[in-house]
Amino acid sequence: MTTTTLARSVDHHTSHQAAAGLSKRSTQCLMLLDVFCDAYPQPLIAAEATARAGLDGGGWKRVSDLKNAGYIGPVLDEHDTFLTQTGPNGRACMAWKATDKGLSVLAGKL
């Protein structure tokens, strides 16, 4: 039986086959979505989420993929402007959090 990090050893062999068929991009998106869902409702910037997921500097591209898919969304402040947090480079970065769609996907409800 093939072993992957996305399937547990006790999972059915079809789960292992499905996990083995995921692309690197899909795997990174799932890792990031897991981070955003674990942090919910706390917002995260892309750099923080990618660091928690253990991804390298290119992980921010997967954050964009999650945003475009509707799995994460921007956080608005009390004035309906985008909430930002200071990033590792000292600049303001948009804050993101899991959406209901993202939470449902990770919970296996969609």
PDB file of N, CA and C in Angstrom:
ATOM      1  N   MET A   1       0.848  -1.171   0.000  1.00  0.00           N
ATOM      2  CA  MET A   1       0.000   0.000   0.000  1.00  0.00           C
ATOM      3  C   MET A   1       0.900   1.242   0.000  1.00  0.00           C
ATOM      4  N   THR A   2       0.551   2.224  -0.809  1.00  0.00           N
ATOM      5  CA  THR A   2       1.309   3.468  -0.883  1.00  0.00           C
ATOM      6  C   THR A   2       1.027   4.322   0.340  1.00  0.00           C
ATOM      7  N   THR A   3       2.068   4.892   0.915  1.00  0.00           N
ATOM      8  CA  THR A   3       1.890   5.754   2.081  1.00  0.00           C
ATOM      9  C   THR A   3       2.124   7.194   1.659  1.00  0.00           C
ATOM     10  N   THR A   4       1.241   8.085   2.084  1.00  0.00           N
ATOM     11  CA  THR A   4       1.399   9.514   1.822  1.00  0.00           C
ATOM     12  C   THR A   4       1.085  10.265   3.091  1.00  0.00           C
ATOM     13  N   THR A   5       1.452  11.527   3.114  1.00  0.00           N
ATOM     14  CA  THR A   5       1.159  12.332   4.293  1.00  0.00           C
ATOM     15  C   THR A   5      -0.303  12.743   4.331  1.00  0.00           C
ATOM     16  N   LEU A   6      -1.037  12.558   3.236  1.00  0.00           N
ATOM     17  CA  LEU A   6      -2.436  12.976   3.198  1.00  0.00           C
ATOM     18  C   LEU A   6      -3.402  11.847   3.507  1.00  0.00           C
ATOM     19  N   ALA A   7      -2.894  10.666   3.716  1.00  0.00           N
ATOM     20  CA  ALA A   7      -3.742   9.540   4.083  1.00  0.00           C
ATOM     21  C   ALA A   7      -3.114   8.845   5.276  1.00  0.00           C
ATOM     22  N   ARG A   8      -3.954   8.492   6.233  1.00  0.00           N
ATOM     23  CA  ARG A   8      -3.451   7.805   7.423  1.00  0.00           C
ATOM     24  C   ARG A   8      -3.237   6.331   7.127  1.00  0.00           C
ATOM     25  N   SER A   9      -2.407   5.709   7.909  1.00  0.00           N
ATOM     26  CA  SER A   9      -2.105   4.297   7.678  1.00  0.00           C
ATOM     27  C   SER A   9      -3.351   3.419   7.804  1.00  0.00           C
ATOM     28  N   VAL A  10      -4.344   3.852   8.565  1.00  0.00           N
ATOM     29  CA  VAL A  10      -5.555   3.053   8.748  1.00  0.00           C
ATOM     30  C   VAL A  10      -6.620   3.343   7.686  1.00  0.00           C
ATOM     31  N   ASP A  11      -6.358   4.322   6.820  1.00  0.00           N
ATOM     32  CA  ASP A  11      -7.324   4.667   5.779  1.00  0.00           C
ATOM     33  C   ASP A  11      -7.399   3.570   4.720  1.00  0.00           C
ATOM     34  N   HIS A  12      -8.550   3.482   4.068  1.00  0.00           N
ATOM     35  CA  HIS A  12      -8.786   2.532   2.992  1.00  0.00           C
ATOM     36  C   HIS A  12      -7.800   2.794   1.856  1.00  0.00           C
ATOM     37  N   HIS A  13      -7.466   1.779   1.105  1.00  0.00           N
ATOM     38  CA  HIS A  13      -6.476   1.936   0.024  1.00  0.00           C
ATOM     39  C   HIS A  13      -6.899   2.985  -1.001  1.00  0.00           C
ATOM     40  N   THR A  14      -8.198   3.197  -1.177  1.00  0.00           N
ATOM     41  CA  THR A  14      -8.635   4.218  -2.134  1.00  0.00           C
ATOM     42  C   THR A  14      -8.259   5.619  -1.662  1.00  0.00           C
ATOM     43  N   SER A  15      -8.206   5.832  -0.356  1.00  0.00           N
ATOM     44  CA  SER A  15      -7.762   7.123   0.173  1.00  0.00           C
ATOM     45  C   SER A  15      -6.293   7.350  -0.135  1.00  0.00           C
ATOM     46  N   HIS A  16      -5.505   6.300  -0.036  1.00  0.00           N
ATOM     47  CA  HIS A  16      -4.086   6.397  -0.362  1.00  0.00           C
ATOM     48  C   HIS A  16      -3.885   6.675  -1.855  1.00  0.00           C
ATOM     49  N   GLN A  17      -4.705   6.043  -2.691  1.00  0.00           N
ATOM     50  CA  GLN A  17      -4.603   6.292  -4.125  1.00  0.00           C
ATOM     51  C   GLN A  17      -4.975   7.738  -4.454  1.00  0.00           C
ATOM     52  N   ALA A  18      -6.024   8.239  -3.835  1.00  0.00           N
ATOM     53  CA  ALA A  18      -6.445   9.617  -4.082  1.00  0.00           C
ATOM     54  C   ALA A  18      -5.389  10.603  -3.614  1.00  0.00           C
ATOM     55  N   ALA A  19      -4.823  10.359  -2.454  1.00  0.00           N
ATOM     56  CA  ALA A  19      -3.793  11.252  -1.921  1.00  0.00           C
ATOM     57  C   ALA A  19      -2.561  11.251  -2.813  1.00  0.00           C
ATOM     58  N   ALA A  20      -2.199  10.098  -3.338  1.00  0.00           N
ATOM     59  CA  ALA A  20      -1.024  10.003  -4.203  1.00  0.00           C
ATOM     60  C   ALA A  20      -1.238  10.743  -5.517  1.00  0.00           C
ATOM     61  N   GLY A  21      -2.498  10.879  -5.937  1.00  0.00           N
ATOM     62  CA  GLY A  21      -2.799  11.540  -7.193  1.00  0.00           C
ATOM     63  C   GLY A  21      -2.889  13.053  -7.112  1.00  0.00           C
ATOM     64  N   LEU A  22      -2.786  13.607  -5.928  1.00  0.00           N
ATOM     65  CA  LEU A  22      -2.872  15.057  -5.796  1.00  0.00           C
ATOM     66  C   LEU A  22      -1.585  15.712  -6.274  1.00  0.00           C
ATOM     67  N   SER A  23      -1.751  16.829  -6.939  1.00  0.00           N
ATOM     68  CA  SER A  23      -0.578  17.574  -7.387  1.00  0.00           C
ATOM     69  C   SER A  23       0.056  18.301  -6.211  1.00  0.00           C
ATOM     70  N   LYS A  24       1.276  18.762  -6.405  1.00  0.00           N
ATOM     71  CA  LYS A  24       1.953  19.545  -5.369  1.00  0.00           C
ATOM     72  C   LYS A  24       1.126  20.779  -5.044  1.00  0.00           C
ATOM     73  N   ARG A  25       0.569  21.399  -6.074  1.00  0.00           N
ATOM     74  CA  ARG A  25      -0.257  22.598  -5.880  1.00  0.00           C
ATOM     75  C   ARG A  25      -1.475  22.287  -5.010  1.00  0.00           C
ATOM     76  N   SER A  26      -2.176  21.204  -5.316  1.00  0.00           N
ATOM     77  CA  SER A  26      -3.352  20.818  -4.532  1.00  0.00           C
ATOM     78  C   SER A  26      -2.976  20.491  -3.097  1.00  0.00           C
ATOM     79  N   THR A  27      -1.863  19.795  -2.929  1.00  0.00           N
ATOM     80  CA  THR A  27      -1.397  19.430  -1.593  1.00  0.00           C
ATOM     81  C   THR A  27      -1.094  20.679  -0.776  1.00  0.00           C
ATOM     82  N   GLN A  28      -0.404  21.652  -1.391  1.00  0.00           N
ATOM     83  CA  GLN A  28      -0.091  22.887  -0.682  1.00  0.00           C
ATOM     84  C   GLN A  28      -1.350  23.663  -0.343  1.00  0.00           C
ATOM     85  N   CYS A  29      -2.326  23.674  -1.244  1.00  0.00           N
ATOM     86  CA  CYS A  29      -3.597  24.356  -0.959  1.00  0.00           C
ATOM     87  C   CYS A  29      -4.305  23.713   0.229  1.00  0.00           C
ATOM     88  N   LEU A  30      -4.314  22.389   0.272  1.00  0.00           N
ATOM     89  CA  LEU A  30      -4.950  21.703   1.398  1.00  0.00           C
ATOM     90  C   LEU A  30      -4.223  21.982   2.706  1.00  0.00           C
ATOM     91  N   MET A  31      -2.903  22.024   2.659  1.00  0.00           N
ATOM     92  CA  MET A  31      -2.123  22.325   3.863  1.00  0.00           C
ATOM     93  C   MET A  31      -2.448  23.734   4.363  1.00  0.00           C
ATOM     94  N   LEU A  32      -2.526  24.681   3.442  1.00  0.00           N
ATOM     95  CA  LEU A  32      -2.836  26.061   3.827  1.00  0.00           C
ATOM     96  C   LEU A  32      -4.267  26.197   4.317  1.00  0.00           C
ATOM     97  N   LEU A  33      -5.200  25.536   3.647  1.00  0.00           N
ATOM     98  CA  LEU A  33      -6.592  25.612   4.092  1.00  0.00           C
ATOM     99  C   LEU A  33      -6.720  25.056   5.505  1.00  0.00           C
ATOM    100  N   ASP A  34      -5.997  24.004   5.794  1.00  0.00           N
ATOM    101  CA  ASP A  34      -5.990  23.429   7.141  1.00  0.00           C
ATOM    102  C   ASP A  34      -5.497  24.463   8.159  1.00  0.00           C
ATOM    103  N   VAL A  35      -4.461  25.209   7.805  1.00  0.00           N
ATOM    104  CA  VAL A  35      -3.921  26.251   8.689  1.00  0.00           C
ATOM    105  C   VAL A  35      -4.960  27.349   8.923  1.00  0.00           C
ATOM    106  N   PHE A  36      -5.585  27.812   7.849  1.00  0.00           N
ATOM    107  CA  PHE A  36      -6.591  28.871   7.994  1.00  0.00           C
ATOM    108  C   PHE A  36      -7.792  28.399   8.815  1.00  0.00           C
ATOM    109  N   CYS A  37      -8.199  27.153   8.621  1.00  0.00           N
ATOM    110  CA  CYS A  37      -9.325  26.619   9.390  1.00  0.00           C
ATOM    111  C   CYS A  37      -8.962  26.430  10.859  1.00  0.00           C
ATOM    112  N   ASP A  38      -7.745  25.984  11.131  1.00  0.00           N
ATOM    113  CA  ASP A  38      -7.290  25.838  12.517  1.00  0.00           C
ATOM    114  C   ASP A  38      -7.243  27.187  13.228  1.00  0.00           C
ATOM    115  N   ALA A  39      -6.877  28.227  12.498  1.00  0.00           N
ATOM    116  CA  ALA A  39      -6.762  29.567  13.087  1.00  0.00           C
ATOM    117  C   ALA A  39      -8.114  30.263  13.227  1.00  0.00           C
ATOM    118  N   TYR A  40      -9.119  29.816  12.493  1.00  0.00           N
ATOM    119  CA  TYR A  40     -10.426  30.479  12.464  1.00  0.00           C
ATOM    120  C   TYR A  40     -10.976  30.686  13.866  1.00  0.00           C
ATOM    121  N   PRO A  41     -11.503  31.874  14.180  1.00  0.00           N
ATOM    122  CA  PRO A  41     -11.754  33.036  13.326  1.00  0.00           C
ATOM    123  C   PRO A  41     -10.600  34.035  13.281  1.00  0.00           C
ATOM    124  N   GLN A  42      -9.463  33.672  13.830  1.00  0.00           N
ATOM    125  CA  GLN A  42      -8.295  34.563  13.824  1.00  0.00           C
ATOM    126  C   GLN A  42      -7.785  34.751  12.402  1.00  0.00           C
ATOM    127  N   PRO A  43      -7.587  35.990  11.957  1.00  0.00           N
ATOM    128  CA  PRO A  43      -7.049  36.209  10.616  1.00  0.00           C
ATOM    129  C   PRO A  43      -5.542  35.958  10.558  1.00  0.00           C
ATOM    130  N   LEU A  44      -5.075  35.602   9.379  1.00  0.00           N
ATOM    131  CA  LEU A  44      -3.646  35.376   9.141  1.00  0.00           C
ATOM    132  C   LEU A  44      -3.237  36.094   7.865  1.00  0.00           C
ATOM    133  N   ILE A  45      -2.000  36.564   7.820  1.00  0.00           N
ATOM    134  CA  ILE A  45      -1.461  37.056   6.565  1.00  0.00           C
ATOM    135  C   ILE A  45      -0.816  35.877   5.850  1.00  0.00           C
ATOM    136  N   ALA A  46      -0.577  36.017   4.560  1.00  0.00           N
ATOM    137  CA  ALA A  46      -0.041  34.909   3.760  1.00  0.00           C
ATOM    138  C   ALA A  46       1.276  34.380   4.324  1.00  0.00           C
ATOM    139  N   ALA A  47       2.164  35.278   4.742  1.00  0.00           N
ATOM    140  CA  ALA A  47       3.465  34.839   5.259  1.00  0.00           C
ATOM    141  C   ALA A  47       3.307  33.987   6.510  1.00  0.00           C
ATOM    142  N   GLU A  48       2.399  34.362   7.368  1.00  0.00           N
ATOM    143  CA  GLU A  48       2.179  33.594   8.596  1.00  0.00           C
ATOM    144  C   GLU A  48       1.575  32.229   8.282  1.00  0.00           C
ATOM    145  N   ALA A  49       0.594  32.211   7.387  1.00  0.00           N
ATOM    146  CA  ALA A  49      -0.059  30.949   7.033  1.00  0.00           C
ATOM    147  C   ALA A  49       0.922  29.989   6.359  1.00  0.00           C
ATOM    148  N   THR A  50       1.732  30.510   5.437  1.00  0.00           N
ATOM    149  CA  THR A  50       2.681  29.627   4.758  1.00  0.00           C
ATOM    150  C   THR A  50       3.748  29.111   5.717  1.00  0.00           C
ATOM    151  N   ALA A  51       4.159  29.937   6.665  1.00  0.00           N
ATOM    152  CA  ALA A  51       5.138  29.486   7.665  1.00  0.00           C
ATOM    153  C   ALA A  51       4.538  28.390   8.538  1.00  0.00           C
ATOM    154  N   ARG A  52       3.296  28.567   8.979  1.00  0.00           N
ATOM    155  CA  ARG A  52       2.640  27.546   9.803  1.00  0.00           C
ATOM    156  C   ARG A  52       2.472  26.235   9.049  1.00  0.00           C
ATOM    157  N   ALA A  53       2.265  26.343   7.729  1.00  0.00           N
ATOM    158  CA  ALA A  53       2.088  25.144   6.901  1.00  0.00           C
ATOM    159  C   ALA A  53       3.421  24.513   6.531  1.00  0.00           C
ATOM    160  N   GLY A  54       4.520  25.204   6.832  1.00  0.00           N
ATOM    161  CA  GLY A  54       5.837  24.682   6.509  1.00  0.00           C
ATOM    162  C   GLY A  54       6.188  24.800   5.036  1.00  0.00           C
ATOM    163  N   LEU A  55       5.572  25.765   4.354  1.00  0.00           N
ATOM    164  CA  LEU A  55       5.844  25.958   2.930  1.00  0.00           C
ATOM    165  C   LEU A  55       6.919  27.013   2.730  1.00  0.00           C
ATOM    166  N   ASP A  56       7.580  26.950   1.601  1.00  0.00           N
ATOM    167  CA  ASP A  56       8.624  27.925   1.303  1.00  0.00           C
ATOM    168  C   ASP A  56       8.016  29.249   0.847  1.00  0.00           C
ATOM    169  N   GLY A  57       8.841  30.147   0.386  1.00  0.00           N
ATOM    170  CA  GLY A  57       8.414  31.482   0.012  1.00  0.00           C
ATOM    171  C   GLY A  57       7.370  31.551  -1.083  1.00  0.00           C
ATOM    172  N   GLY A  58       7.206  30.525  -1.893  1.00  0.00           N
ATOM    173  CA  GLY A  58       6.216  30.553  -2.963  1.00  0.00           C
ATOM    174  C   GLY A  58       4.814  30.182  -2.529  1.00  0.00           C
ATOM    175  N   GLY A  59       4.642  29.871  -1.256  1.00  0.00           N
ATOM    176  CA  GLY A  59       3.330  29.461  -0.764  1.00  0.00           C
ATOM    177  C   GLY A  59       2.258  30.521  -0.889  1.00  0.00           C
ATOM    178  N   TRP A  60       2.665  31.786  -0.983  1.00  0.00           N
ATOM    179  CA  TRP A  60       1.675  32.860  -1.107  1.00  0.00           C
ATOM    180  C   TRP A  60       0.842  32.686  -2.373  1.00  0.00           C
ATOM    181  N   LYS A  61       1.390  32.012  -3.390  1.00  0.00           N
ATOM    182  CA  LYS A  61       0.621  31.765  -4.611  1.00  0.00           C
ATOM    183  C   LYS A  61      -0.574  30.864  -4.313  1.00  0.00           C
ATOM    184  N   ARG A  62      -0.392  29.922  -3.411  1.00  0.00           N
ATOM    185  CA  ARG A  62      -1.495  29.037  -3.037  1.00  0.00           C
ATOM    186  C   ARG A  62      -2.542  29.792  -2.213  1.00  0.00           C
ATOM    187  N   VAL A  63      -2.109  30.798  -1.451  1.00  0.00           N
ATOM    188  CA  VAL A  63      -3.069  31.645  -0.732  1.00  0.00           C
ATOM    189  C   VAL A  63      -3.971  32.326  -1.757  1.00  0.00           C
ATOM    190  N   SER A  64      -3.388  32.790  -2.838  1.00  0.00           N
ATOM    191  CA  SER A  64      -4.170  33.407  -3.917  1.00  0.00           C
ATOM    192  C   SER A  64      -5.136  32.396  -4.528  1.00  0.00           C
ATOM    193  N   ASP A  65      -4.701  31.152  -4.707  1.00  0.00           N
ATOM    194  CA  ASP A  65      -5.580  30.101  -5.231  1.00  0.00           C
ATOM    195  C   ASP A  65      -6.775  29.885  -4.302  1.00  0.00           C
ATOM    196  N   LEU A  66      -6.515  29.857  -2.988  1.00  0.00           N
ATOM    197  CA  LEU A  66      -7.602  29.674  -2.014  1.00  0.00           C
ATOM    198  C   LEU A  66      -8.577  30.842  -2.057  1.00  0.00           C
ATOM    199  N   LYS A  67      -8.045  32.046  -2.200  1.00  0.00           N
ATOM    200  CA  LYS A  67      -8.896  33.236  -2.300  1.00  0.00           C
ATOM    201  C   LYS A  67      -9.768  33.151  -3.549  1.00  0.00           C
ATOM    202  N   ASN A  68      -9.160  32.827  -4.683  1.00  0.00           N
ATOM    203  CA  ASN A  68      -9.905  32.750  -5.938  1.00  0.00           C
ATOM    204  C   ASN A  68     -10.968  31.663  -5.921  1.00  0.00           C
ATOM    205  N   ALA A  69     -10.740  30.602  -5.166  1.00  0.00           N
ATOM    206  CA  ALA A  69     -11.714  29.511  -5.043  1.00  0.00           C
ATOM    207  C   ALA A  69     -12.807  29.825  -4.023  1.00  0.00           C
ATOM    208  N   GLY A  70     -12.635  30.904  -3.262  1.00  0.00           N
ATOM    209  CA  GLY A  70     -13.637  31.270  -2.255  1.00  0.00           C
ATOM    210  C   GLY A  70     -13.470  30.552  -0.932  1.00  0.00           C
ATOM    211  N   TYR A  71     -12.325  29.904  -0.703  1.00  0.00           N
ATOM    212  CA  TYR A  71     -12.094  29.170   0.541  1.00  0.00           C
ATOM    213  C   TYR A  71     -11.584  30.060   1.667  1.00  0.00           C
ATOM    214  N   ILE A  72     -10.976  31.169   1.317  1.00  0.00           N
ATOM    215  CA  ILE A  72     -10.583  32.181   2.297  1.00  0.00           C
ATOM    216  C   ILE A  72     -11.043  33.528   1.759  1.00  0.00           C
ATOM    217  N   GLY A  73     -11.219  34.472   2.656  1.00  0.00           N
ATOM    218  CA  GLY A  73     -11.635  35.806   2.245  1.00  0.00           C
ATOM    219  C   GLY A  73     -10.954  36.863   3.076  1.00  0.00           C
ATOM    220  N   PRO A  74     -10.951  38.100   2.566  1.00  0.00           N
ATOM    221  CA  PRO A  74     -10.321  39.183   3.311  1.00  0.00           C
ATOM    222  C   PRO A  74     -11.112  39.513   4.567  1.00  0.00           C
ATOM    223  N   VAL A  75     -10.428  40.045   5.540  1.00  0.00           N
ATOM    224  CA  VAL A  75     -11.060  40.456   6.785  1.00  0.00           C
ATOM    225  C   VAL A  75     -11.251  41.963   6.719  1.00  0.00           C
ATOM    226  N   LEU A  76     -12.457  42.404   7.041  1.00  0.00           N
ATOM    227  CA  LEU A  76     -12.763  43.829   7.027  1.00  0.00           C
ATOM    228  C   LEU A  76     -12.776  44.367   8.440  1.00  0.00           C
ATOM    229  N   ASP A  77     -12.316  45.608   8.601  1.00  0.00           N
ATOM    230  CA  ASP A  77     -12.350  46.236   9.919  1.00  0.00           C
ATOM    231  C   ASP A  77     -13.695  46.928  10.116  1.00  0.00           C
ATOM    232  N   GLU A  78     -13.819  47.670  11.205  1.00  0.00           N
ATOM    233  CA  GLU A  78     -15.094  48.318  11.536  1.00  0.00           C
ATOM    234  C   GLU A  78     -15.501  49.395  10.536  1.00  0.00           C
ATOM    235  N   HIS A  79     -14.589  49.818   9.663  1.00  0.00           N
ATOM    236  CA  HIS A  79     -14.893  50.823   8.641  1.00  0.00           C
ATOM    237  C   HIS A  79     -15.047  50.192   7.259  1.00  0.00           C
ATOM    238  N   ASP A  80     -15.190  48.879   7.223  1.00  0.00           N
ATOM    239  CA  ASP A  80     -15.317  48.112   5.984  1.00  0.00           C
ATOM    240  C   ASP A  80     -14.136  48.294   5.041  1.00  0.00           C
ATOM    241  N   THR A  81     -12.967  48.475   5.615  1.00  0.00           N
ATOM    242  CA  THR A  81     -11.737  48.476   4.828  1.00  0.00           C
ATOM    243  C   THR A  81     -10.964  47.217   5.169  1.00  0.00           C
ATOM    244  N   PHE A  82     -10.106  46.818   4.258  1.00  0.00           N
ATOM    245  CA  PHE A  82      -9.352  45.589   4.461  1.00  0.00           C
ATOM    246  C   PHE A  82      -8.446  45.701   5.679  1.00  0.00           C
ATOM    247  N   LEU A  83      -8.537  44.711   6.536  1.00  0.00           N
ATOM    248  CA  LEU A  83      -7.658  44.628   7.702  1.00  0.00           C
ATOM    249  C   LEU A  83      -6.272  44.201   7.226  1.00  0.00           C
ATOM    250  N   THR A  84      -5.265  44.893   7.710  1.00  0.00           N
ATOM    251  CA  THR A  84      -3.893  44.528   7.366  1.00  0.00           C
ATOM    252  C   THR A  84      -3.104  44.280   8.639  1.00  0.00           C
ATOM    253  N   GLN A  85      -2.041  43.530   8.487  1.00  0.00           N
ATOM    254  CA  GLN A  85      -1.091  43.287   9.563  1.00  0.00           C
ATOM    255  C   GLN A  85       0.307  43.470   8.988  1.00  0.00           C
ATOM    256  N   THR A  86       1.231  43.802   9.834  1.00  0.00           N
ATOM    257  CA  THR A  86       2.598  43.998   9.377  1.00  0.00           C
ATOM    258  C   THR A  86       3.236  42.663   9.037  1.00  0.00           C
ATOM    259  N   GLY A  87       3.778  42.581   7.829  1.00  0.00           N
ATOM    260  CA  GLY A  87       4.421  41.364   7.363  1.00  0.00           C
ATOM    261  C   GLY A  87       5.889  41.323   7.742  1.00  0.00           C
ATOM    262  N   PRO A  88       6.558  40.249   7.408  1.00  0.00           N
ATOM    263  CA  PRO A  88       7.965  40.089   7.758  1.00  0.00           C
ATOM    264  C   PRO A  88       8.875  41.153   7.128  1.00  0.00           C
ATOM    265  N   ASN A  89       8.411  41.765   6.045  1.00  0.00           N
ATOM    266  CA  ASN A  89       9.203  42.807   5.396  1.00  0.00           C
ATOM    267  C   ASN A  89       8.907  44.207   5.954  1.00  0.00           C
ATOM    268  N   GLY A  90       8.036  44.267   6.973  1.00  0.00           N
ATOM    269  CA  GLY A  90       7.689  45.541   7.587  1.00  0.00           C
ATOM    270  C   GLY A  90       6.564  46.279   6.898  1.00  0.00           C
ATOM    271  N   ARG A  91       6.027  45.720   5.842  1.00  0.00           N
ATOM    272  CA  ARG A  91       4.939  46.361   5.094  1.00  0.00           C
ATOM    273  C   ARG A  91       3.596  45.769   5.486  1.00  0.00           C
ATOM    274  N   ALA A  92       2.551  46.540   5.208  1.00  0.00           N
ATOM    275  CA  ALA A  92       1.188  46.079   5.493  1.00  0.00           C
ATOM    276  C   ALA A  92       0.798  44.964   4.534  1.00  0.00           C
ATOM    277  N   CYS A  93       0.235  43.900   5.072  1.00  0.00           N
ATOM    278  CA  CYS A  93      -0.235  42.755   4.284  1.00  0.00           C
ATOM    279  C   CYS A  93      -1.698  42.507   4.622  1.00  0.00           C
ATOM    280  N   MET A  94      -2.471  42.112   3.610  1.00  0.00           N
ATOM    281  CA  MET A  94      -3.882  41.807   3.849  1.00  0.00           C
ATOM    282  C   MET A  94      -4.021  40.603   4.768  1.00  0.00           C
ATOM    283  N   ALA A  95      -5.025  40.677   5.622  1.00  0.00           N
ATOM    284  CA  ALA A  95      -5.340  39.562   6.520  1.00  0.00           C
ATOM    285  C   ALA A  95      -6.468  38.738   5.902  1.00  0.00           C
ATOM    286  N   TRP A  96      -6.369  37.430   6.050  1.00  0.00           N
ATOM    287  CA  TRP A  96      -7.333  36.484   5.471  1.00  0.00           C
ATOM    288  C   TRP A  96      -7.851  35.542   6.547  1.00  0.00           C
ATOM    289  N   LYS A  97      -9.050  35.035   6.334  1.00  0.00           N
ATOM    290  CA  LYS A  97      -9.557  33.971   7.211  1.00  0.00           C
ATOM    291  C   LYS A  97     -10.403  33.021   6.385  1.00  0.00           C
ATOM    292  N   ALA A  98     -10.585  31.829   6.913  1.00  0.00           N
ATOM    293  CA  ALA A  98     -11.381  30.816   6.217  1.00  0.00           C
ATOM    294  C   ALA A  98     -12.819  31.294   6.082  1.00  0.00           C
ATOM    295  N   THR A  99     -13.424  30.992   4.949  1.00  0.00           N
ATOM    296  CA  THR A  99     -14.830  31.293   4.726  1.00  0.00           C
ATOM    297  C   THR A  99     -15.662  30.075   5.136  1.00  0.00           C
ATOM    298  N   ASP A 100     -16.967  30.230   5.132  1.00  0.00           N
ATOM    299  CA  ASP A 100     -17.844  29.081   5.410  1.00  0.00           C
ATOM    300  C   ASP A 100     -17.591  27.967   4.395  1.00  0.00           C
ATOM    301  N   LYS A 101     -17.361  28.345   3.144  1.00  0.00           N
ATOM    302  CA  LYS A 101     -17.072  27.358   2.102  1.00  0.00           C
ATOM    303  C   LYS A 101     -15.775  26.613   2.422  1.00  0.00           C
ATOM    304  N   GLY A 102     -14.742  27.337   2.829  1.00  0.00           N
ATOM    305  CA  GLY A 102     -13.469  26.712   3.174  1.00  0.00           C
ATOM    306  C   GLY A 102     -13.600  25.782   4.366  1.00  0.00           C
ATOM    307  N   LEU A 103     -14.331  26.237   5.382  1.00  0.00           N
ATOM    308  CA  LEU A 103     -14.535  25.395   6.569  1.00  0.00           C
ATOM    309  C   LEU A 103     -15.305  24.132   6.200  1.00  0.00           C
ATOM    310  N   SER A 104     -16.299  24.260   5.317  1.00  0.00           N
ATOM    311  CA  SER A 104     -17.095  23.097   4.892  1.00  0.00           C
ATOM    312  C   SER A 104     -16.275  22.110   4.081  1.00  0.00           C
ATOM    313  N   VAL A 105     -15.419  22.625   3.188  1.00  0.00           N
ATOM    314  CA  VAL A 105     -14.592  21.752   2.374  1.00  0.00           C
ATOM    315  C   VAL A 105     -13.666  20.924   3.258  1.00  0.00           C
ATOM    316  N   LEU A 106     -13.031  21.579   4.195  1.00  0.00           N
ATOM    317  CA  LEU A 106     -12.089  20.851   5.044  1.00  0.00           C
ATOM    318  C   LEU A 106     -12.810  19.854   5.943  1.00  0.00           C
ATOM    319  N   ALA A 107     -14.052  20.176   6.320  1.00  0.00           N
ATOM    320  CA  ALA A 107     -14.819  19.262   7.160  1.00  0.00           C
ATOM    321  C   ALA A 107     -15.445  18.131   6.335  1.00  0.00           C
ATOM    322  N   GLY A 108     -15.260  18.174   5.006  1.00  0.00           N
ATOM    323  CA  GLY A 108     -15.796  17.132   4.143  1.00  0.00           C
ATOM    324  C   GLY A 108     -17.269  17.268   3.876  1.00  0.00           C
ATOM    325  N   LYS A 109     -17.811  18.470   4.016  1.00  0.00           N
ATOM    326  CA  LYS A 109     -19.250  18.661   3.842  1.00  0.00           C
ATOM    327  C   LYS A 109     -19.626  19.079   2.444  1.00  0.00           C
ATOM    328  N   LEU A 110     -18.648  19.370   1.588  1.00  0.00           N
ATOM    329  CA  LEU A 110     -18.964  19.735   0.194  1.00  0.00           C
ATOM    330  C   LEU A 110     -18.501  18.661  -0.752  1.00  0.00           C
TER     331      LEU A 110
END
